[in-house]
Amino acid sequence: MLETHGDVCRLGYLRIVPCLLEDNSPKTFDFLAALLHDIVKGIGDRDLLVSKPIGLITSLVNARNYVTMAAELNFIDRKSQLLGTFGKLYLTTDSAIKFKKFVDGRESLNLIELITLNDAEKLFFLWALFIQDYPFIQMITNWALKKKKFRRQEAMIYAMEEAYPQALKKALPPSDIRRKEAEKFREKRLSIKDKIEWIKSSQYAKYRHIAPPRLEWLVDCGILKRSGRGKYEVNDQMIYDQQKILKLTTLRPKKIESYLFNDFIKGMARWYKQAGRTEVIKTMIQVYDRMSFHFGGEVNLTYLECMTSIVLLENGLIAEKQKIHDAFNSLALQFPDKIYVMPGGRNVNIAYINTEELEI
């Protein structure tokens, strides 16, 4: 993802975007921005918040920036202007039911509900961010956890002068001009002696747009908390095990799902009741039906297991991906003609469950 706009700080708004695309009709980014702005502009209870958060949608311009970010997170497929993979996955959650009602005008939400994530949503967005913003968000998260407390200015310098150039090295060829520019960020900043001149520079604007939103995303996901104007610290009340987050920051995207929904989620077990086999199976079938609708019948088995874990979490239950995988396999042995796995492209396993005839 890398490039962002400085006002896209609140992940909660992104839950609206897939709901606007559920009718499977292509929509331009400008049209989606107009819909998003129209939906949220009337919510005026900001005075109920202890402190006014940054990144609220107040204009068509920053609504458009949120739509662009939704595409960067693969909530929207840029080419087709339809739902992207993470947009489809979000629509399989219970959370999406509430937001679809909100979009349709059947349910009202206040500002706190609109921008605050529950635990399952935090896990979902952590997944999306660590896949789509690899390796930039991993490096910033790792640095923040080790620093414990820091100022935004300090984080901006680390993010743009160390993490950003390293991320570009992995994403771009050596000849790319952005990579060459990033390698000289520190030298250029140190050459500007006057503080006012630095703040007015185009380089500072780039720092401000790219780094601060990521700190706020980590706040929304419960890893950081704001501790004053321009100050952050590790959230000592987070539901995650800090050592497991540090481990997560070292993994490549292909390893993230397995770790996040197995070892990582175990660190949350003290807050939730363990799901029984029957609860796992019933939830998996429910999630399969939702995914089958949005993915056109081709349900990725790994995604099915991950989303089953998230929906269980929404209902106060916890189950690791391996436990869900074992439940799927046991059903496949019991009902081989009604539940099975087929090979798909790119080493993906496609799950098939005949939910109409399957009796549990």
Protein backbone atom coordinates (compact mmCIF):
# COMPACT_ATOMS: atom_id res chain seq x y z
CA MET A 1 0.00 0.00 0.00
CA LEU A 2 2.66 2.50 1.17
CA GLU A 3 1.13 5.74 -0.20
CA THR A 4 -1.76 7.10 1.86
CA HIS A 5 -3.44 10.39 2.67
CA GLY A 6 -3.02 11.92 6.11
CA ASP A 7 -6.73 12.06 6.93
CA VAL A 8 -7.53 8.33 6.54
CA CYS A 9 -7.06 7.54 10.22
CA ARG A 10 -10.27 5.77 11.23
CA LEU A 11 -10.59 2.18 10.07
CA GLY A 12 -14.22 1.97 11.17
CA TYR A 13 -15.44 3.97 8.18
CA LEU A 14 -14.17 1.25 5.84
CA ARG A 15 -16.89 -1.12 7.07
CA ILE A 16 -19.41 0.96 5.12
CA VAL A 17 -17.70 0.59 1.74
CA PRO A 18 -18.35 -3.15 1.11
CA CYS A 19 -21.99 -2.61 2.03
CA LEU A 20 -22.25 -0.06 -0.78
CA LEU A 21 -20.96 -2.62 -3.28
CA GLU A 22 -22.97 -5.66 -2.19
CA ASP A 23 -25.40 -5.27 -5.10
CA ASN A 24 -22.55 -6.37 -7.42
CA SER A 25 -22.90 -3.21 -9.50
CA PRO A 26 -19.66 -1.37 -10.44
CA LYS A 27 -19.34 2.06 -8.87
CA THR A 28 -16.73 4.72 -9.54
CA PHE A 29 -14.63 5.92 -6.63
CA ASP A 30 -16.18 9.38 -6.89
CA PHE A 31 -19.69 7.93 -6.69
CA LEU A 32 -18.75 5.76 -3.70
CA ALA A 33 -17.22 8.82 -2.01
CA ALA A 34 -20.44 10.77 -2.53
CA LEU A 35 -22.49 7.91 -1.04
CA LEU A 36 -20.10 7.52 1.91
CA HIS A 37 -20.11 11.25 2.65
CA ASP A 38 -23.89 11.46 2.40
CA ILE A 39 -24.34 8.52 4.80
CA VAL A 40 -22.06 9.85 7.57
CA LYS A 41 -22.46 13.63 7.27
CA GLY A 42 -25.54 13.79 9.46
CA ILE A 43 -23.94 12.07 12.44
CA GLY A 44 -23.25 14.96 14.77
CA ASP A 45 -22.60 13.64 18.27
CA ARG A 46 -18.88 14.44 18.28
CA ASP A 47 -19.30 16.23 21.60
CA LEU A 48 -20.01 12.82 23.19
CA LEU A 49 -16.40 11.81 22.66
CA VAL A 50 -13.87 12.52 25.39
CA SER A 51 -11.51 14.01 22.82
CA LYS A 52 -12.22 14.67 19.18
CA PRO A 53 -10.47 12.01 17.11
CA ILE A 54 -8.60 12.87 13.96
CA GLY A 55 -9.60 11.52 10.58
CA LEU A 56 -13.35 12.14 10.73
CA ILE A 57 -15.11 12.42 7.38
CA THR A 58 -16.11 16.05 6.98
CA SER A 59 -15.97 16.55 3.20
CA LEU A 60 -16.25 14.80 -0.13
CA VAL A 61 -12.48 15.08 -0.51
CA ASN A 62 -11.59 13.02 2.54
CA ALA A 63 -14.48 10.61 1.85
CA ARG A 64 -12.75 10.02 -1.51
CA ASN A 65 -9.47 9.38 0.34
CA TYR A 66 -11.20 6.69 2.42
CA VAL A 67 -12.53 5.04 -0.74
CA THR A 68 -8.99 5.01 -2.15
CA MET A 69 -7.74 3.40 1.05
CA ALA A 70 -10.51 0.79 0.80
CA ALA A 71 -9.09 -0.14 -2.59
CA GLU A 72 -5.55 -0.29 -1.15
CA LEU A 73 -6.80 -2.75 1.48
CA ASN A 74 -8.52 -4.79 -1.25
CA PHE A 75 -12.00 -3.99 0.01
CA ILE A 76 -12.56 -2.78 -3.57
CA ASP A 77 -11.15 -4.30 -6.74
CA ARG A 78 -9.74 -1.34 -8.69
CA LYS A 79 -10.08 -2.94 -12.11
CA SER A 80 -13.70 -4.08 -11.88
CA GLN A 81 -14.86 -1.44 -9.34
CA LEU A 82 -16.60 -4.28 -7.52
CA LEU A 83 -15.88 -5.95 -4.18
CA GLY A 84 -12.28 -6.97 -3.53
CA THR A 85 -11.29 -10.03 -1.52
CA PHE A 86 -11.27 -8.35 1.90
CA GLY A 87 -14.52 -6.56 1.06
CA LYS A 88 -16.17 -9.91 0.36
CA LEU A 89 -14.68 -11.39 3.51
CA TYR A 90 -15.96 -8.50 5.63
CA LEU A 91 -19.49 -9.09 4.33
CA THR A 92 -19.43 -12.59 5.87
CA THR A 93 -19.19 -11.12 9.39
CA ASP A 94 -22.06 -10.40 11.75
CA SER A 95 -20.72 -6.84 11.90
CA ALA A 96 -21.64 -6.38 8.24
CA ILE A 97 -25.30 -7.12 9.00
CA LYS A 98 -25.43 -4.09 11.30
CA PHE A 99 -23.66 -1.83 8.80
CA LYS A 100 -25.88 -2.94 5.92
CA LYS A 101 -28.89 -1.91 7.98
CA PHE A 102 -27.18 1.40 8.71
CA VAL A 103 -26.47 2.00 5.01
CA ASP A 104 -30.07 1.13 4.12
CA GLY A 105 -31.41 3.51 6.76
CA ARG A 106 -32.94 0.71 8.84
CA GLU A 107 -30.65 1.29 11.82
CA SER A 108 -28.93 4.36 13.23
CA LEU A 109 -25.40 4.55 14.60
CA ASN A 110 -23.72 7.25 16.63
CA LEU A 111 -20.21 8.46 15.91
CA ILE A 112 -18.59 6.25 18.55
CA GLU A 113 -20.22 3.15 17.04
CA LEU A 114 -19.20 4.30 13.57
CA ILE A 115 -15.49 4.59 14.30
CA THR A 116 -14.92 2.05 17.10
CA LEU A 117 -13.98 -1.55 16.31
CA ASN A 118 -14.95 -4.57 18.40
CA ASP A 119 -12.36 -7.28 19.11
CA ALA A 120 -13.26 -9.40 16.09
CA GLU A 121 -13.11 -6.36 13.80
CA LYS A 122 -9.73 -5.40 15.25
CA LEU A 123 -8.43 -8.86 14.38
CA PHE A 124 -9.93 -8.63 10.88
CA PHE A 125 -8.31 -5.27 10.16
CA LEU A 126 -5.01 -6.40 11.64
CA TRP A 127 -5.11 -9.28 9.16
CA ALA A 128 -5.93 -7.00 6.23
CA LEU A 129 -3.28 -4.43 7.16
CA PHE A 130 -0.49 -6.94 7.70
CA ILE A 131 -1.24 -8.54 4.32
CA GLN A 132 -1.90 -5.42 2.25
CA ASP A 133 0.57 -2.99 3.84
CA TYR A 134 3.45 -5.47 4.09
CA PRO A 135 6.16 -4.81 5.19
CA PHE A 136 5.64 -1.16 6.14
CA ILE A 137 3.05 -1.59 8.90
CA GLN A 138 5.04 -4.51 10.34
CA MET A 139 8.16 -2.36 10.74
CA ILE A 140 6.25 0.52 12.33
CA THR A 141 4.44 -1.85 14.72
CA ASN A 142 7.70 -3.54 15.73
CA TRP A 143 9.38 -0.19 16.37
CA ALA A 144 6.43 1.16 18.37
CA LEU A 145 6.22 -1.91 20.62
CA LYS A 146 9.92 -1.70 21.41
CA LYS A 147 9.82 2.06 22.04
CA LYS A 148 6.83 1.75 24.44
CA LYS A 149 6.29 5.54 24.47
CA PHE A 150 7.05 8.07 21.74
CA ARG A 151 6.06 11.30 20.05
CA ARG A 152 4.47 11.42 16.62
CA GLN A 153 7.40 13.42 15.24
CA GLU A 154 9.81 10.71 16.36
CA ALA A 155 7.66 8.02 14.74
CA MET A 156 7.40 10.00 11.50
CA ILE A 157 11.18 10.21 11.23
CA TYR A 158 11.64 6.48 11.84
CA ALA A 159 8.81 5.54 9.49
CA MET A 160 9.93 7.72 6.59
CA GLU A 161 13.70 7.53 6.93
CA GLU A 162 14.13 3.89 7.90
CA ALA A 163 10.98 1.79 7.39
CA TYR A 164 9.72 3.48 4.21
CA PRO A 165 13.00 3.15 2.22
CA GLN A 166 13.28 -0.51 3.31
CA ALA A 167 9.69 -1.18 2.25
CA LEU A 168 10.30 0.45 -1.13
CA LYS A 169 13.39 -1.73 -1.63
CA LYS A 170 11.16 -4.80 -1.38
CA ALA A 171 8.45 -3.35 -3.62
CA LEU A 172 10.28 -1.41 -6.34
CA PRO A 173 13.27 -1.90 -8.65
CA PRO A 174 16.50 0.04 -7.88
CA SER A 175 15.88 2.42 -10.78
CA ASP A 176 12.52 3.64 -9.46
CA ILE A 177 12.64 7.38 -8.67
CA ARG A 178 10.56 7.02 -5.47
CA ARG A 179 13.07 4.57 -4.07
CA LYS A 180 15.96 6.90 -4.90
CA GLU A 181 14.18 9.87 -3.30
CA ALA A 182 13.39 7.93 -0.11
CA GLU A 183 17.02 6.95 0.35
CA LYS A 184 17.88 10.67 0.61
CA PHE A 185 15.06 11.69 2.98
CA ARG A 186 17.24 11.92 6.10
CA GLU A 187 19.99 13.84 4.31
CA LYS A 188 17.49 16.31 2.88
CA ARG A 189 15.71 16.83 6.22
CA LEU A 190 19.00 17.52 8.04
CA SER A 191 19.94 20.05 5.36
CA ILE A 192 16.89 22.17 6.24
CA LYS A 193 17.96 24.06 9.36
CA ASP A 194 14.90 26.26 9.84
CA LYS A 195 11.95 24.52 11.54
CA ILE A 196 9.33 26.65 9.75
CA GLU A 197 10.93 25.94 6.40
CA TRP A 198 10.89 22.21 7.19
CA ILE A 199 7.19 22.21 8.11
CA LYS A 200 6.40 24.03 4.85
CA SER A 201 8.45 21.61 2.74
CA SER A 202 6.89 19.03 0.40
CA GLN A 203 8.94 16.35 2.15
CA TYR A 204 7.33 17.11 5.52
CA ALA A 205 3.91 16.91 3.83
CA LYS A 206 4.82 13.43 2.62
CA TYR A 207 5.90 12.43 6.14
CA ARG A 208 2.62 13.74 7.57
CA HIS A 209 0.46 11.91 5.02
CA ILE A 210 2.14 8.51 5.20
CA ALA A 211 3.23 7.91 8.81
CA PRO A 212 0.55 9.30 11.21
CA PRO A 213 -2.41 7.35 9.73
CA ARG A 214 -0.60 4.10 10.46
CA LEU A 215 -0.18 5.06 14.10
CA GLU A 216 -3.90 5.73 14.28
CA TRP A 217 -4.69 2.38 12.64
CA LEU A 218 -2.70 0.72 15.41
CA VAL A 219 -4.77 2.74 17.91
CA ASP A 220 -7.98 1.49 16.28
CA CYS A 221 -6.68 -2.09 16.39
CA GLY A 222 -5.97 -1.72 20.12
CA ILE A 223 -2.17 -1.98 19.98
CA LEU A 224 -1.39 1.68 20.72
CA LYS A 225 -3.20 4.41 22.58
CA ARG A 226 -2.89 8.18 22.44
CA SER A 227 -1.37 9.61 25.60
CA GLY A 228 -1.53 13.32 24.82
CA ARG A 229 -1.24 15.69 21.92
CA GLY A 230 1.10 14.07 19.43
CA LYS A 231 2.02 11.33 21.92
CA TYR A 232 1.50 7.57 21.79
CA GLU A 233 2.25 4.58 23.96
CA VAL A 234 1.68 0.85 23.88
CA ASN A 235 -1.83 0.02 25.07
CA ASP A 236 -1.33 -1.82 28.36
CA GLN A 237 -4.94 -3.04 28.20
CA MET A 238 -4.71 -4.62 24.77
CA ILE A 239 -6.27 -8.05 24.34
CA TYR A 240 -3.22 -9.38 22.50
CA ASP A 241 0.02 -10.89 23.77
CA GLN A 242 2.75 -8.35 22.93
CA GLN A 243 5.32 -11.03 22.18
CA LYS A 244 2.95 -12.58 19.68
CA ILE A 245 2.50 -9.22 17.94
CA LEU A 246 6.27 -8.90 17.70
CA LYS A 247 6.40 -12.37 16.15
CA LEU A 248 3.66 -11.34 13.72
CA THR A 249 5.75 -8.37 12.57
CA THR A 250 8.52 -10.73 11.41
CA LEU A 251 6.36 -12.90 9.13
CA ARG A 252 5.91 -12.79 5.38
CA PRO A 253 2.31 -12.52 4.08
CA LYS A 254 2.04 -16.23 3.22
CA LYS A 255 2.74 -17.11 6.87
CA ILE A 256 0.47 -14.51 8.47
CA GLU A 257 -2.90 -16.28 8.29
CA SER A 258 -1.63 -19.50 9.81
CA TYR A 259 0.07 -17.69 12.70
CA LEU A 260 -2.61 -15.05 13.27
CA PHE A 261 -5.45 -17.55 13.57
CA ASN A 262 -3.50 -20.19 15.50
CA ASP A 263 -0.72 -19.17 17.89
CA PHE A 264 -1.64 -15.47 17.91
CA ILE A 265 -5.32 -15.95 18.72
CA LYS A 266 -4.42 -18.28 21.59
CA GLY A 267 -3.16 -15.21 23.41
CA MET A 268 -6.76 -13.94 23.47
CA ALA A 269 -8.17 -17.12 25.00
CA ARG A 270 -8.41 -15.76 28.55
CA TRP A 271 -11.02 -13.24 27.37
CA TYR A 272 -13.27 -15.74 25.58
CA LYS A 273 -15.00 -19.08 26.06
CA GLN A 274 -13.59 -21.96 24.03
CA ALA A 275 -15.96 -22.92 21.21
CA GLY A 276 -17.19 -26.51 21.24
CA ARG A 277 -17.16 -28.73 18.16
CA THR A 278 -20.87 -28.20 17.47
CA GLU A 279 -20.51 -24.43 17.74
CA VAL A 280 -17.53 -24.52 15.38
CA ILE A 281 -19.38 -26.60 12.79
CA LYS A 282 -22.60 -24.56 12.89
CA THR A 283 -20.66 -21.31 12.55
CA MET A 284 -18.50 -22.73 9.75
CA ILE A 285 -21.59 -23.73 7.76
CA GLN A 286 -23.14 -20.31 8.32
CA VAL A 287 -19.94 -18.59 7.15
CA TYR A 288 -19.69 -20.96 4.17
CA ASP A 289 -23.16 -19.92 2.98
CA ARG A 290 -22.26 -16.24 3.24
CA MET A 291 -18.92 -16.73 1.49
CA SER A 292 -20.45 -18.88 -1.24
CA PHE A 293 -22.84 -16.03 -2.07
CA HIS A 294 -20.08 -13.42 -2.35
CA PHE A 295 -17.37 -15.59 -3.91
CA GLY A 296 -19.62 -17.25 -6.48
CA GLY A 297 -19.40 -20.73 -5.01
CA GLU A 298 -15.58 -20.90 -4.93
CA VAL A 299 -14.84 -20.77 -1.21
CA ASN A 300 -11.15 -20.72 -0.28
CA LEU A 301 -10.76 -23.21 2.59
CA THR A 302 -8.17 -21.07 4.40
CA TYR A 303 -10.45 -18.01 4.22
CA LEU A 304 -13.37 -20.13 5.44
CA GLU A 305 -11.38 -21.20 8.49
CA CYS A 306 -10.16 -17.66 9.24
CA MET A 307 -13.61 -16.12 8.90
CA THR A 308 -15.19 -18.85 11.03
CA SER A 309 -12.71 -17.90 13.75
CA ILE A 310 -13.68 -14.22 13.43
CA VAL A 311 -17.44 -14.84 13.49
CA LEU A 312 -17.04 -17.08 16.55
CA LEU A 313 -15.14 -14.23 18.20
CA GLU A 314 -18.05 -11.89 17.40
CA ASN A 315 -20.22 -14.25 19.42
CA GLY A 316 -17.95 -14.46 22.45
CA LEU A 317 -16.28 -17.74 21.47
CA ILE A 318 -12.75 -18.61 20.42
CA ALA A 319 -11.34 -21.36 18.23
CA GLU A 320 -8.00 -21.62 16.49
CA LYS A 321 -7.80 -22.23 12.75
CA GLN A 322 -6.40 -25.74 13.32
CA LYS A 323 -9.43 -26.70 15.42
CA ILE A 324 -11.74 -25.42 12.67
CA HIS A 325 -9.70 -27.29 10.04
CA ASP A 326 -10.00 -30.51 12.06
CA ALA A 327 -13.77 -30.01 12.32
CA PHE A 328 -14.00 -29.60 8.54
CA ASN A 329 -11.96 -32.76 7.98
CA SER A 330 -14.06 -34.79 10.41
CA LEU A 331 -17.22 -33.71 8.58
CA ALA A 332 -15.64 -34.59 5.24
CA LEU A 333 -14.95 -38.11 6.52
CA GLN A 334 -18.48 -38.40 7.87
CA PHE A 335 -20.22 -36.96 4.78
CA PRO A 336 -17.78 -37.44 1.86
CA ASP A 337 -20.47 -36.77 -0.78
CA LYS A 338 -21.62 -33.53 0.86
CA ILE A 339 -18.41 -31.91 2.07
CA TYR A 340 -15.04 -32.09 0.39
CA VAL A 341 -12.08 -30.10 -0.93
CA MET A 342 -11.15 -29.49 -4.56
CA PRO A 343 -7.83 -28.14 -5.82
CA GLY A 344 -7.96 -24.55 -7.06
CA GLY A 345 -5.47 -22.29 -8.77
CA ARG A 346 -2.26 -21.02 -7.10
CA ASN A 347 -2.16 -23.92 -4.61
CA VAL A 348 -5.51 -22.88 -3.13
CA ASN A 349 -7.94 -25.47 -1.76
CA ILE A 350 -11.59 -24.82 -2.58
CA ALA A 351 -14.10 -26.05 0.01
CA TYR A 352 -17.46 -27.45 -0.98
CA ILE A 353 -20.29 -27.99 1.51
CA ASN A 354 -23.79 -29.05 0.46
CA THR A 355 -25.47 -27.10 3.25
CA GLU A 356 -29.00 -27.89 2.07
CA GLU A 357 -28.63 -31.64 2.53
CA LEU A 358 -26.11 -31.68 5.37
CA GLU A 359 -27.69 -32.50 8.73
CA ILE A 360 -25.57 -31.92 11.82
